[in-house]
Amino acid sequence: MDKGNGLSAMQMDALREAGNIGAAHAATSMSSLMNKKIDMEVPFVDIVPFADILDWMGGPDSPVASTLIHISGDVCGKVYFMLAVDEAETFVKYASDEQHVQLIDQDETNLFGASVFKEIGNILTGSYMSAISDFTGLHIQPSVPQLQIDMAGAILSDAVIDVSRSTDYVLIVDTVIRYSGQKNPVNGQFLFLPDPESLATLFRALGMAGNE
C-alpha cells in the first residue's frame, strides 16, 4: 500500500527497522561514554514535505539545538539532529553532571555545554549512520559536525532552499531518549535531507526498488 509520501508500507518498515538498529547502537555508545544507562527507540519514521518540517519542530520561532553532519559515499546528503533547547540543556546536564548549563546565552560555562551537546550529536548521528551502513552494506562517510543553536526557521532555511532544488521531501526519524532520573523522555528528531539518488540507493540496498 502506497503512503501519501510515495513510499510503501514495506519501505517505511525497513526505514524504521534501520532507525531502531541505529538507536540501539547510539544508546550503547552513549551509555559507554557516560557510564550511565541510556535507552533509545524510534517510535516512527516518516517522509514529509519540506513545507511541513517547521511544524514538526514546533514552528519557525522554536529555539532548537542542532548538529549538522554532511554525509558522502554511496549515500549523500545532510543529517540534522535536533532537540528543543530546554530538552538539550537537560540532557547535557545529565551527560556532564553540570547543573548550570544553558545553551542560548553563550558565556564561558555555556560554551562548555554547547561543546558537550555537539559531541552528543556527533555520537548519536555517527552511530545511526554506522548502523545504517552495517544494515545496508553501503559506505557512508560522515563529516565533522557543525553546531547551531537558534530558531528552527533560521537553522533550516538554508538547508531547505539548498536541497529543495532537487527533492521535495525530508526523512524524519523521531527518536525518544530515556535515562535515569528523568521523568519525561527527551524527544529528538533526525532529519535526513538526501541527494536525489540517495533514497533510491538506500532502498536498493534494502532489497527494494520503487514502491512495493
N, C-alpha and C. Protein backbone atom coordinates (compact mmCIF):
# COMPACT_ATOMS: atom_id res chain seq x y z
N MET A 1 0.85 -1.20 0.00
CA MET A 1 0.00 0.00 0.00
C MET A 1 0.87 1.23 0.00
N ASP A 2 0.63 2.10 -0.93
CA ASP A 2 1.44 3.30 -1.06
C ASP A 2 0.99 4.36 -0.08
N LYS A 3 1.91 4.96 0.63
CA LYS A 3 1.59 6.05 1.53
C LYS A 3 1.60 7.34 0.73
N GLY A 4 1.06 8.42 1.32
CA GLY A 4 0.98 9.68 0.62
C GLY A 4 2.32 10.23 0.22
N ASN A 5 3.39 9.78 0.88
CA ASN A 5 4.72 10.29 0.56
C ASN A 5 5.37 9.49 -0.57
N GLY A 6 4.67 8.54 -1.17
CA GLY A 6 5.22 7.79 -2.28
C GLY A 6 5.95 6.53 -1.87
N LEU A 7 6.01 6.23 -0.57
CA LEU A 7 6.70 5.03 -0.10
C LEU A 7 5.68 3.98 0.34
N SER A 8 6.03 2.74 0.12
CA SER A 8 5.15 1.65 0.53
C SER A 8 5.30 1.38 2.02
N ALA A 9 4.34 0.63 2.57
CA ALA A 9 4.42 0.24 3.98
C ALA A 9 5.68 -0.57 4.24
N MET A 10 6.07 -1.42 3.28
CA MET A 10 7.28 -2.23 3.45
C MET A 10 8.53 -1.35 3.52
N GLN A 11 8.58 -0.33 2.67
CA GLN A 11 9.73 0.57 2.69
C GLN A 11 9.80 1.34 4.00
N MET A 12 8.64 1.82 4.48
CA MET A 12 8.62 2.53 5.75
C MET A 12 9.05 1.62 6.89
N ASP A 13 8.61 0.36 6.86
CA ASP A 13 9.01 -0.60 7.90
C ASP A 13 10.52 -0.83 7.87
N ALA A 14 11.09 -0.89 6.66
CA ALA A 14 12.54 -1.09 6.54
C ALA A 14 13.30 0.10 7.09
N LEU A 15 12.82 1.30 6.80
CA LEU A 15 13.47 2.50 7.33
C LEU A 15 13.35 2.54 8.85
N ARG A 16 12.20 2.14 9.37
CA ARG A 16 12.00 2.14 10.82
C ARG A 16 12.93 1.11 11.48
N GLU A 17 13.08 -0.05 10.85
CA GLU A 17 13.97 -1.07 11.40
C GLU A 17 15.42 -0.59 11.41
N ALA A 18 15.83 0.07 10.32
CA ALA A 18 17.19 0.63 10.28
C ALA A 18 17.35 1.69 11.36
N GLY A 19 16.30 2.49 11.58
CA GLY A 19 16.35 3.51 12.63
C GLY A 19 16.47 2.91 14.01
N ASN A 20 15.75 1.82 14.27
CA ASN A 20 15.82 1.18 15.58
C ASN A 20 17.18 0.55 15.83
N ILE A 21 17.78 -0.01 14.79
CA ILE A 21 19.14 -0.54 14.93
C ILE A 21 20.11 0.60 15.25
N GLY A 22 19.94 1.72 14.55
CA GLY A 22 20.77 2.89 14.83
C GLY A 22 20.58 3.38 16.24
N ALA A 23 19.33 3.40 16.73
CA ALA A 23 19.05 3.84 18.10
C ALA A 23 19.74 2.94 19.11
N ALA A 24 19.72 1.64 18.88
CA ALA A 24 20.37 0.70 19.79
C ALA A 24 21.88 0.95 19.83
N HIS A 25 22.48 1.15 18.65
CA HIS A 25 23.91 1.45 18.60
C HIS A 25 24.22 2.75 19.32
N ALA A 26 23.38 3.77 19.08
CA ALA A 26 23.62 5.08 19.69
C ALA A 26 23.49 5.00 21.21
N ALA A 27 22.49 4.27 21.71
CA ALA A 27 22.31 4.14 23.15
C ALA A 27 23.50 3.44 23.79
N THR A 28 24.01 2.41 23.12
CA THR A 28 25.18 1.69 23.64
C THR A 28 26.39 2.61 23.70
N SER A 29 26.60 3.39 22.63
CA SER A 29 27.75 4.30 22.58
C SER A 29 27.65 5.37 23.66
N MET A 30 26.45 5.96 23.84
CA MET A 30 26.27 6.99 24.84
C MET A 30 26.42 6.42 26.25
N SER A 31 25.86 5.25 26.50
CA SER A 31 25.96 4.63 27.82
C SER A 31 27.42 4.35 28.19
N SER A 32 28.17 3.87 27.19
CA SER A 32 29.59 3.57 27.43
C SER A 32 30.38 4.84 27.71
N LEU A 33 30.11 5.90 26.94
CA LEU A 33 30.84 7.15 27.11
C LEU A 33 30.55 7.77 28.47
N MET A 34 29.28 7.79 28.86
CA MET A 34 28.86 8.49 30.06
C MET A 34 28.88 7.61 31.31
N ASN A 35 29.04 6.30 31.10
CA ASN A 35 28.93 5.34 32.21
C ASN A 35 27.59 5.49 32.92
N LYS A 36 26.55 5.75 32.12
CA LYS A 36 25.19 5.90 32.63
C LYS A 36 24.26 5.20 31.66
N LYS A 37 23.14 4.72 32.18
CA LYS A 37 22.20 3.97 31.37
C LYS A 37 21.40 4.91 30.47
N ILE A 38 21.45 4.65 29.17
CA ILE A 38 20.67 5.39 28.19
C ILE A 38 19.87 4.40 27.36
N ASP A 39 18.59 4.68 27.18
CA ASP A 39 17.74 3.87 26.30
C ASP A 39 17.20 4.77 25.20
N MET A 40 17.17 4.24 23.98
CA MET A 40 16.66 4.99 22.85
C MET A 40 15.78 4.10 22.01
N GLU A 41 14.76 4.70 21.40
CA GLU A 41 13.91 3.97 20.48
C GLU A 41 13.39 4.92 19.41
N VAL A 42 12.91 4.33 18.34
CA VAL A 42 12.36 5.08 17.22
C VAL A 42 10.88 4.75 17.11
N PRO A 43 9.99 5.61 17.63
CA PRO A 43 8.55 5.31 17.55
C PRO A 43 8.03 5.29 16.12
N PHE A 44 8.56 6.18 15.29
CA PHE A 44 8.13 6.18 13.90
C PHE A 44 9.13 6.90 13.02
N VAL A 45 9.03 6.58 11.75
CA VAL A 45 9.82 7.22 10.70
C VAL A 45 8.83 7.74 9.67
N ASP A 46 9.09 8.89 9.12
CA ASP A 46 8.17 9.40 8.12
C ASP A 46 8.94 10.21 7.08
N ILE A 47 8.35 10.31 5.91
CA ILE A 47 8.84 11.19 4.86
C ILE A 47 7.84 12.32 4.73
N VAL A 48 8.29 13.55 4.94
CA VAL A 48 7.35 14.67 4.94
C VAL A 48 7.80 15.73 3.94
N PRO A 49 6.87 16.50 3.42
CA PRO A 49 7.23 17.60 2.52
C PRO A 49 8.00 18.68 3.27
N PHE A 50 8.84 19.40 2.54
CA PHE A 50 9.58 20.50 3.15
C PHE A 50 8.66 21.47 3.86
N ALA A 51 7.49 21.70 3.29
CA ALA A 51 6.56 22.68 3.86
C ALA A 51 6.12 22.31 5.27
N ASP A 52 6.24 21.04 5.64
CA ASP A 52 5.78 20.59 6.96
C ASP A 52 6.88 20.48 7.99
N ILE A 53 8.14 20.70 7.60
CA ILE A 53 9.25 20.47 8.52
C ILE A 53 9.13 21.32 9.78
N LEU A 54 8.91 22.61 9.60
CA LEU A 54 8.91 23.51 10.75
C LEU A 54 7.76 23.22 11.70
N ASP A 55 6.65 22.71 11.18
CA ASP A 55 5.56 22.31 12.06
C ASP A 55 6.01 21.18 12.98
N TRP A 56 6.81 20.26 12.45
CA TRP A 56 7.33 19.16 13.25
C TRP A 56 8.24 19.67 14.36
N MET A 57 8.91 20.79 14.12
CA MET A 57 9.85 21.33 15.08
C MET A 57 9.20 22.32 16.04
N GLY A 58 7.88 22.48 15.95
CA GLY A 58 7.17 23.39 16.85
C GLY A 58 7.01 24.78 16.31
N GLY A 59 7.29 24.99 15.03
CA GLY A 59 7.16 26.31 14.42
C GLY A 59 8.51 26.96 14.20
N PRO A 60 8.57 27.97 13.30
CA PRO A 60 9.85 28.58 12.93
C PRO A 60 10.54 29.32 14.06
N ASP A 61 9.80 29.75 15.08
CA ASP A 61 10.39 30.53 16.17
C ASP A 61 10.78 29.66 17.37
N SER A 62 10.66 28.36 17.25
CA SER A 62 11.03 27.48 18.35
C SER A 62 12.55 27.41 18.49
N PRO A 63 13.09 27.67 19.68
CA PRO A 63 14.54 27.56 19.87
C PRO A 63 14.98 26.10 19.90
N VAL A 64 15.94 25.75 19.07
CA VAL A 64 16.41 24.37 19.00
C VAL A 64 17.93 24.34 19.03
N ALA A 65 18.45 23.24 19.51
CA ALA A 65 19.88 22.94 19.43
C ALA A 65 20.04 21.86 18.37
N SER A 66 21.00 22.06 17.48
CA SER A 66 21.11 21.18 16.33
C SER A 66 22.57 20.90 16.00
N THR A 67 22.83 19.66 15.60
CA THR A 67 24.11 19.36 14.96
C THR A 67 23.83 19.00 13.50
N LEU A 68 24.71 19.42 12.63
CA LEU A 68 24.60 19.13 11.20
C LEU A 68 25.82 18.34 10.76
N ILE A 69 25.56 17.22 10.10
CA ILE A 69 26.63 16.40 9.54
C ILE A 69 26.34 16.18 8.07
N HIS A 70 27.34 16.43 7.23
CA HIS A 70 27.24 16.11 5.81
C HIS A 70 27.71 14.66 5.64
N ILE A 71 26.97 13.89 4.85
CA ILE A 71 27.39 12.53 4.59
C ILE A 71 27.70 12.37 3.10
N SER A 72 28.68 11.53 2.85
CA SER A 72 29.11 11.27 1.48
C SER A 72 29.37 9.78 1.32
N GLY A 73 29.69 9.37 0.11
CA GLY A 73 29.90 7.96 -0.18
C GLY A 73 28.79 7.44 -1.06
N ASP A 74 28.27 6.24 -0.72
CA ASP A 74 27.18 5.67 -1.50
C ASP A 74 25.87 6.42 -1.29
N VAL A 75 25.73 7.05 -0.14
CA VAL A 75 24.56 7.87 0.18
C VAL A 75 25.06 9.25 0.58
N CYS A 76 24.47 10.28 -0.02
CA CYS A 76 24.93 11.65 0.21
C CYS A 76 23.77 12.53 0.68
N GLY A 77 24.10 13.55 1.43
CA GLY A 77 23.09 14.49 1.88
C GLY A 77 23.50 15.13 3.18
N LYS A 78 22.52 15.66 3.89
CA LYS A 78 22.74 16.31 5.18
C LYS A 78 21.89 15.61 6.23
N VAL A 79 22.45 15.49 7.43
CA VAL A 79 21.72 14.89 8.55
C VAL A 79 21.77 15.87 9.73
N TYR A 80 20.59 16.28 10.18
CA TYR A 80 20.47 17.13 11.36
C TYR A 80 19.98 16.27 12.53
N PHE A 81 20.56 16.51 13.71
CA PHE A 81 19.98 16.01 14.95
C PHE A 81 19.51 17.22 15.73
N MET A 82 18.21 17.26 16.07
CA MET A 82 17.63 18.46 16.64
C MET A 82 16.85 18.12 17.91
N LEU A 83 17.06 18.97 18.93
CA LEU A 83 16.30 18.90 20.17
C LEU A 83 15.84 20.31 20.53
N ALA A 84 14.67 20.42 21.17
CA ALA A 84 14.30 21.69 21.77
C ALA A 84 15.39 22.10 22.76
N VAL A 85 15.69 23.38 22.85
CA VAL A 85 16.81 23.84 23.67
C VAL A 85 16.66 23.39 25.12
N ASP A 86 15.44 23.48 25.69
CA ASP A 86 15.29 23.09 27.10
C ASP A 86 15.58 21.60 27.30
N GLU A 87 15.17 20.76 26.34
CA GLU A 87 15.47 19.33 26.46
C GLU A 87 16.96 19.07 26.24
N ALA A 88 17.57 19.82 25.32
CA ALA A 88 19.01 19.68 25.09
C ALA A 88 19.79 20.05 26.34
N GLU A 89 19.38 21.14 27.00
CA GLU A 89 20.05 21.56 28.23
C GLU A 89 19.93 20.49 29.32
N THR A 90 18.73 19.91 29.46
CA THR A 90 18.53 18.86 30.46
C THR A 90 19.41 17.66 30.18
N PHE A 91 19.51 17.28 28.92
CA PHE A 91 20.33 16.13 28.54
C PHE A 91 21.81 16.42 28.77
N VAL A 92 22.25 17.63 28.44
CA VAL A 92 23.66 17.99 28.65
C VAL A 92 24.00 18.00 30.14
N LYS A 93 23.08 18.48 30.96
CA LYS A 93 23.31 18.46 32.41
C LYS A 93 23.50 17.02 32.90
N TYR A 94 22.66 16.14 32.41
CA TYR A 94 22.78 14.74 32.80
C TYR A 94 24.09 14.13 32.31
N ALA A 95 24.46 14.45 31.07
CA ALA A 95 25.66 13.86 30.48
C ALA A 95 26.93 14.37 31.13
N SER A 96 26.93 15.64 31.54
CA SER A 96 28.15 16.28 32.03
C SER A 96 28.21 16.44 33.54
N ASP A 97 27.07 16.20 34.24
CA ASP A 97 26.97 16.45 35.67
C ASP A 97 27.19 17.92 36.02
N GLU A 98 26.92 18.80 35.05
CA GLU A 98 26.97 20.25 35.27
C GLU A 98 25.54 20.77 35.29
N GLN A 99 25.10 21.30 36.41
CA GLN A 99 23.70 21.66 36.59
C GLN A 99 23.37 23.11 36.23
N HIS A 100 24.34 23.87 35.77
CA HIS A 100 24.08 25.29 35.46
C HIS A 100 24.25 25.59 33.97
N VAL A 101 24.18 24.57 33.16
CA VAL A 101 24.39 24.74 31.73
C VAL A 101 23.19 25.39 31.08
N GLN A 102 23.45 26.39 30.25
CA GLN A 102 22.45 26.97 29.37
C GLN A 102 23.07 27.05 27.98
N LEU A 103 22.25 26.90 26.97
CA LEU A 103 22.80 26.81 25.62
C LEU A 103 22.57 28.05 24.75
N ILE A 104 21.67 28.93 25.15
CA ILE A 104 21.40 30.10 24.30
C ILE A 104 22.34 31.25 24.63
N ASP A 105 22.52 31.57 25.93
CA ASP A 105 23.42 32.65 26.33
C ASP A 105 24.83 32.10 26.42
N GLN A 106 25.67 32.51 25.47
CA GLN A 106 26.97 31.84 25.32
C GLN A 106 28.07 32.48 26.17
N ASP A 107 27.99 32.32 27.51
CA ASP A 107 29.13 32.70 28.32
C ASP A 107 30.07 31.51 28.41
N GLU A 108 31.10 31.60 29.23
CA GLU A 108 32.12 30.55 29.24
C GLU A 108 31.54 29.18 29.63
N THR A 109 30.68 29.17 30.67
CA THR A 109 30.09 27.91 31.10
C THR A 109 29.23 27.30 30.00
N ASN A 110 28.47 28.17 29.32
CA ASN A 110 27.54 27.67 28.33
C ASN A 110 28.26 27.21 27.07
N LEU A 111 29.42 27.75 26.78
CA LEU A 111 30.22 27.24 25.67
C LEU A 111 30.65 25.81 25.96
N PHE A 112 30.91 25.51 27.21
CA PHE A 112 31.20 24.13 27.59
C PHE A 112 29.99 23.25 27.30
N GLY A 113 28.81 23.72 27.67
CA GLY A 113 27.59 22.95 27.42
C GLY A 113 27.37 22.74 25.94
N ALA A 114 27.63 23.77 25.14
CA ALA A 114 27.48 23.64 23.69
C ALA A 114 28.43 22.59 23.14
N SER A 115 29.66 22.55 23.69
CA SER A 115 30.63 21.56 23.25
C SER A 115 30.16 20.15 23.59
N VAL A 116 29.56 19.98 24.77
CA VAL A 116 29.04 18.67 25.16
C VAL A 116 27.91 18.25 24.23
N PHE A 117 27.01 19.18 23.93
CA PHE A 117 25.90 18.83 23.04
C PHE A 117 26.41 18.48 21.64
N LYS A 118 27.41 19.19 21.18
CA LYS A 118 27.98 18.88 19.87
C LYS A 118 28.52 17.45 19.85
N GLU A 119 29.18 17.06 20.92
CA GLU A 119 29.71 15.69 20.99
C GLU A 119 28.59 14.67 21.07
N ILE A 120 27.51 14.99 21.82
CA ILE A 120 26.35 14.10 21.87
C ILE A 120 25.77 13.91 20.48
N GLY A 121 25.56 15.02 19.76
CA GLY A 121 25.04 14.93 18.40
C GLY A 121 25.95 14.15 17.48
N ASN A 122 27.25 14.32 17.65
CA ASN A 122 28.22 13.60 16.84
C ASN A 122 28.13 12.09 17.09
N ILE A 123 28.06 11.70 18.35
CA ILE A 123 27.98 10.28 18.70
C ILE A 123 26.68 9.67 18.20
N LEU A 124 25.57 10.36 18.45
CA LEU A 124 24.27 9.81 18.07
C LEU A 124 24.15 9.69 16.56
N THR A 125 24.51 10.75 15.84
CA THR A 125 24.39 10.71 14.39
C THR A 125 25.36 9.70 13.79
N GLY A 126 26.59 9.69 14.32
CA GLY A 126 27.57 8.73 13.82
C GLY A 126 27.13 7.29 14.05
N SER A 127 26.49 7.03 15.20
CA SER A 127 26.00 5.69 15.49
C SER A 127 24.88 5.30 14.55
N TYR A 128 23.99 6.23 14.28
CA TYR A 128 22.91 5.97 13.32
C TYR A 128 23.48 5.66 11.95
N MET A 129 24.39 6.48 11.48
CA MET A 129 24.94 6.28 10.14
C MET A 129 25.72 4.96 10.05
N SER A 130 26.46 4.64 11.12
CA SER A 130 27.21 3.39 11.15
C SER A 130 26.27 2.19 11.11
N ALA A 131 25.17 2.28 11.86
CA ALA A 131 24.22 1.17 11.87
C ALA A 131 23.55 1.00 10.52
N ILE A 132 23.17 2.11 9.89
CA ILE A 132 22.56 2.02 8.56
C ILE A 132 23.56 1.47 7.56
N SER A 133 24.82 1.87 7.68
CA SER A 133 25.86 1.35 6.80
C SER A 133 26.01 -0.17 6.98
N ASP A 134 26.03 -0.63 8.24
CA ASP A 134 26.14 -2.06 8.50
C ASP A 134 24.90 -2.81 8.00
N PHE A 135 23.75 -2.19 8.19
CA PHE A 135 22.48 -2.82 7.83
C PHE A 135 22.34 -2.98 6.32
N THR A 136 22.85 -2.00 5.58
CA THR A 136 22.66 -1.99 4.13
C THR A 136 23.88 -2.41 3.34
N GLY A 137 25.06 -2.38 3.97
CA GLY A 137 26.29 -2.64 3.24
C GLY A 137 26.79 -1.46 2.44
N LEU A 138 26.18 -0.30 2.63
CA LEU A 138 26.59 0.91 1.92
C LEU A 138 27.70 1.62 2.68
N HIS A 139 28.56 2.26 1.92
CA HIS A 139 29.61 3.09 2.52
C HIS A 139 29.05 4.49 2.76
N ILE A 140 29.03 4.91 4.03
CA ILE A 140 28.52 6.24 4.40
C ILE A 140 29.58 6.91 5.25
N GLN A 141 30.06 8.04 4.80
CA GLN A 141 31.13 8.76 5.49
C GLN A 141 30.61 10.07 6.06
N PRO A 142 30.55 10.22 7.39
CA PRO A 142 30.08 11.48 7.99
C PRO A 142 31.20 12.51 8.11
N SER A 143 30.81 13.78 8.04
CA SER A 143 31.76 14.87 8.21
C SER A 143 31.89 15.21 9.69
N VAL A 144 32.77 16.15 10.00
CA VAL A 144 32.84 16.73 11.34
C VAL A 144 31.54 17.51 11.57
N PRO A 145 30.93 17.38 12.75
CA PRO A 145 29.64 18.04 12.98
C PRO A 145 29.76 19.55 13.12
N GLN A 146 28.72 20.24 12.72
CA GLN A 146 28.58 21.67 12.93
C GLN A 146 27.45 21.90 13.93
N LEU A 147 27.66 22.80 14.87
CA LEU A 147 26.67 23.08 15.91
C LEU A 147 25.94 24.37 15.61
N GLN A 148 24.61 24.34 15.77
CA GLN A 148 23.80 25.54 15.64
C GLN A 148 22.78 25.56 16.77
N ILE A 149 22.66 26.71 17.43
CA ILE A 149 21.65 26.92 18.45
C ILE A 149 20.91 28.20 18.07
N ASP A 150 19.67 28.04 17.62
CA ASP A 150 18.96 29.17 17.03
C ASP A 150 17.48 28.80 16.90
N MET A 151 16.72 29.68 16.27
CA MET A 151 15.35 29.36 15.96
C MET A 151 15.32 28.29 14.86
N ALA A 152 14.33 27.41 14.91
CA ALA A 152 14.25 26.32 13.93
C ALA A 152 14.22 26.85 12.51
N GLY A 153 13.47 27.93 12.29
CA GLY A 153 13.38 28.50 10.95
C GLY A 153 14.72 28.98 10.43
N ALA A 154 15.52 29.61 11.30
CA ALA A 154 16.83 30.11 10.90
C ALA A 154 17.77 28.97 10.55
N ILE A 155 17.73 27.89 11.34
CA ILE A 155 18.63 26.76 11.10
C ILE A 155 18.30 26.05 9.80
N LEU A 156 17.01 25.87 9.53
CA LEU A 156 16.61 25.04 8.40
C LEU A 156 16.40 25.80 7.10
N SER A 157 16.38 27.12 7.15
CA SER A 157 16.04 27.88 5.94
C SER A 157 17.02 27.62 4.81
N ASP A 158 18.31 27.71 5.08
CA ASP A 158 19.31 27.48 4.03
C ASP A 158 19.27 26.05 3.53
N ALA A 159 19.08 25.09 4.45
CA ALA A 159 19.04 23.69 4.05
C ALA A 159 17.86 23.41 3.13
N VAL A 160 16.72 23.97 3.46
CA VAL A 160 15.52 23.75 2.65
C VAL A 160 15.70 24.33 1.26
N ILE A 161 16.25 25.53 1.19
CA ILE A 161 16.48 26.16 -0.12
C ILE A 161 17.46 25.34 -0.94
N ASP A 162 18.51 24.86 -0.28
CA ASP A 162 19.56 24.11 -0.98
C ASP A 162 19.03 22.79 -1.53
N VAL A 163 18.41 21.99 -0.66
CA VAL A 163 18.01 20.65 -1.05
C VAL A 163 16.74 20.66 -1.89
N SER A 164 15.87 21.65 -1.70
CA SER A 164 14.60 21.67 -2.42
C SER A 164 14.79 21.85 -3.92
N ARG A 165 15.98 22.19 -4.34
CA ARG A 165 16.25 22.27 -5.78
C ARG A 165 16.18 20.89 -6.43
N SER A 166 16.36 19.84 -5.62
CA SER A 166 16.44 18.51 -6.21
C SER A 166 15.42 17.51 -5.66
N THR A 167 14.79 17.81 -4.54
CA THR A 167 13.80 16.88 -3.97
C THR A 167 12.80 17.65 -3.14
N ASP A 168 11.65 17.06 -2.89
CA ASP A 168 10.57 17.74 -2.17
C ASP A 168 10.35 17.21 -0.76
N TYR A 169 11.10 16.18 -0.36
CA TYR A 169 10.80 15.51 0.90
C TYR A 169 12.03 15.40 1.80
N VAL A 170 11.72 15.23 3.09
CA VAL A 170 12.74 15.03 4.11
C VAL A 170 12.38 13.77 4.89
N LEU A 171 13.37 12.94 5.17
CA LEU A 171 13.17 11.77 6.01
C LEU A 171 13.35 12.18 7.46
N ILE A 172 12.31 11.96 8.28
CA ILE A 172 12.36 12.28 9.70
C ILE A 172 12.39 10.98 10.50
N VAL A 173 13.39 10.84 11.36
CA VAL A 173 13.48 9.71 12.28
C VAL A 173 13.22 10.26 13.68
N ASP A 174 12.01 10.03 14.18
CA ASP A 174 11.66 10.51 15.51
C ASP A 174 12.33 9.61 16.54
N THR A 175 13.01 10.22 17.50
CA THR A 175 13.82 9.46 18.45
C THR A 175 13.45 9.83 19.88
N VAL A 176 13.23 8.82 20.71
CA VAL A 176 12.92 9.03 22.13
C VAL A 176 14.11 8.55 22.94
N ILE A 177 14.60 9.42 23.82
CA ILE A 177 15.77 9.12 24.66
C ILE A 177 15.32 9.10 26.12
N ARG A 178 15.60 7.99 26.80
CA ARG A 178 15.24 7.86 28.21
C ARG A 178 16.51 7.60 29.03
N TYR A 179 16.57 8.21 30.19
CA TYR A 179 17.69 7.98 31.09
C TYR A 179 17.23 8.15 32.52
N SER A 180 17.98 7.59 33.45
CA SER A 180 17.57 7.55 34.85
C SER A 180 17.47 8.96 35.43
N GLY A 181 16.46 9.15 36.28
CA GLY A 181 16.28 10.44 36.93
C GLY A 181 15.46 11.43 36.14
N GLN A 182 15.09 11.09 34.91
CA GLN A 182 14.31 11.99 34.06
C GLN A 182 12.89 11.47 33.98
N LYS A 183 11.93 12.29 34.47
CA LYS A 183 10.54 11.85 34.49
C LYS A 183 10.00 11.67 33.09
N ASN A 184 10.25 12.64 32.23
CA ASN A 184 9.75 12.58 30.86
C ASN A 184 10.90 12.32 29.89
N PRO A 185 10.68 11.51 28.86
CA PRO A 185 11.75 11.25 27.89
C PRO A 185 12.07 12.48 27.06
N VAL A 186 13.26 12.48 26.49
CA VAL A 186 13.69 13.53 25.56
C VAL A 186 13.25 13.12 24.16
N ASN A 187 12.62 14.03 23.47
CA ASN A 187 12.14 13.74 22.11
C ASN A 187 12.97 14.55 21.10
N GLY A 188 13.72 13.84 20.28
CA GLY A 188 14.55 14.48 19.27
C GLY A 188 14.18 13.99 17.88
N GLN A 189 14.69 14.70 16.90
CA GLN A 189 14.46 14.31 15.51
C GLN A 189 15.77 14.28 14.75
N PHE A 190 15.94 13.23 13.96
CA PHE A 190 16.96 13.22 12.93
C PHE A 190 16.27 13.59 11.62
N LEU A 191 16.81 14.57 10.94
CA LEU A 191 16.30 14.98 9.64
C LEU A 191 17.34 14.61 8.59
N PHE A 192 16.97 13.74 7.67
CA PHE A 192 17.86 13.35 6.58
C PHE A 192 17.38 14.02 5.31
N LEU A 193 18.19 14.93 4.80
CA LEU A 193 17.89 15.63 3.56
C LEU A 193 18.77 15.02 2.47
N PRO A 194 18.23 14.07 1.73
CA PRO A 194 19.06 13.30 0.81
C PRO A 194 19.26 13.99 -0.53
N ASP A 195 20.37 13.66 -1.15
CA ASP A 195 20.51 13.97 -2.57
C ASP A 195 19.52 13.10 -3.33
N PRO A 196 19.15 13.48 -4.56
CA PRO A 196 18.05 12.81 -5.26
C PRO A 196 18.20 11.31 -5.38
N GLU A 197 19.40 10.81 -5.63
CA GLU A 197 19.57 9.39 -5.87
C GLU A 197 19.69 8.57 -4.59
N SER A 198 19.84 9.25 -3.43
CA SER A 198 20.25 8.54 -2.23
C SER A 198 19.15 7.65 -1.66
N LEU A 199 17.90 8.10 -1.65
CA LEU A 199 16.83 7.24 -1.15
C LEU A 199 16.68 5.99 -2.02
N ALA A 200 16.77 6.17 -3.34
CA ALA A 200 16.69 5.02 -4.24
C ALA A 200 17.84 4.06 -3.98
N THR A 201 19.04 4.59 -3.75
CA THR A 201 20.20 3.74 -3.43
C THR A 201 19.95 2.98 -2.13
N LEU A 202 19.39 3.67 -1.14
CA LEU A 202 19.12 3.05 0.16
C LEU A 202 18.12 1.92 0.01
N PHE A 203 17.06 2.14 -0.76
CA PHE A 203 16.04 1.11 -0.93
C PHE A 203 16.58 -0.09 -1.72
N ARG A 204 17.43 0.18 -2.70
CA ARG A 204 18.03 -0.94 -3.43
C ARG A 204 18.88 -1.79 -2.49
N ALA A 205 19.60 -1.13 -1.59
CA ALA A 205 20.44 -1.86 -0.64
C ALA A 205 19.59 -2.67 0.33
N LEU A 206 18.36 -2.22 0.56
CA LEU A 206 17.43 -2.95 1.43
C LEU A 206 16.67 -4.04 0.68
N GLY A 207 17.00 -4.19 -0.63
CA GLY A 207 16.35 -5.22 -1.42
C GLY A 207 15.05 -4.80 -2.03
N MET A 208 14.84 -3.48 -2.11
CA MET A 208 13.59 -2.96 -2.67
C MET A 208 13.91 -1.92 -3.72
N ALA A 209 13.06 -1.85 -4.73
CA ALA A 209 13.19 -0.81 -5.75
C ALA A 209 11.80 -0.34 -6.09
N GLY A 210 11.62 0.99 -6.07
CA GLY A 210 10.31 1.52 -6.38
C GLY A 210 9.36 1.23 -5.23
N ASN A 211 8.06 1.32 -5.46
CA ASN A 211 7.06 1.04 -4.45
C ASN A 211 6.70 -0.43 -4.47
N GLU A 212 6.76 -1.05 -3.31
CA GLU A 212 6.46 -2.48 -3.22
C GLU A 212 5.33 -2.69 -2.22
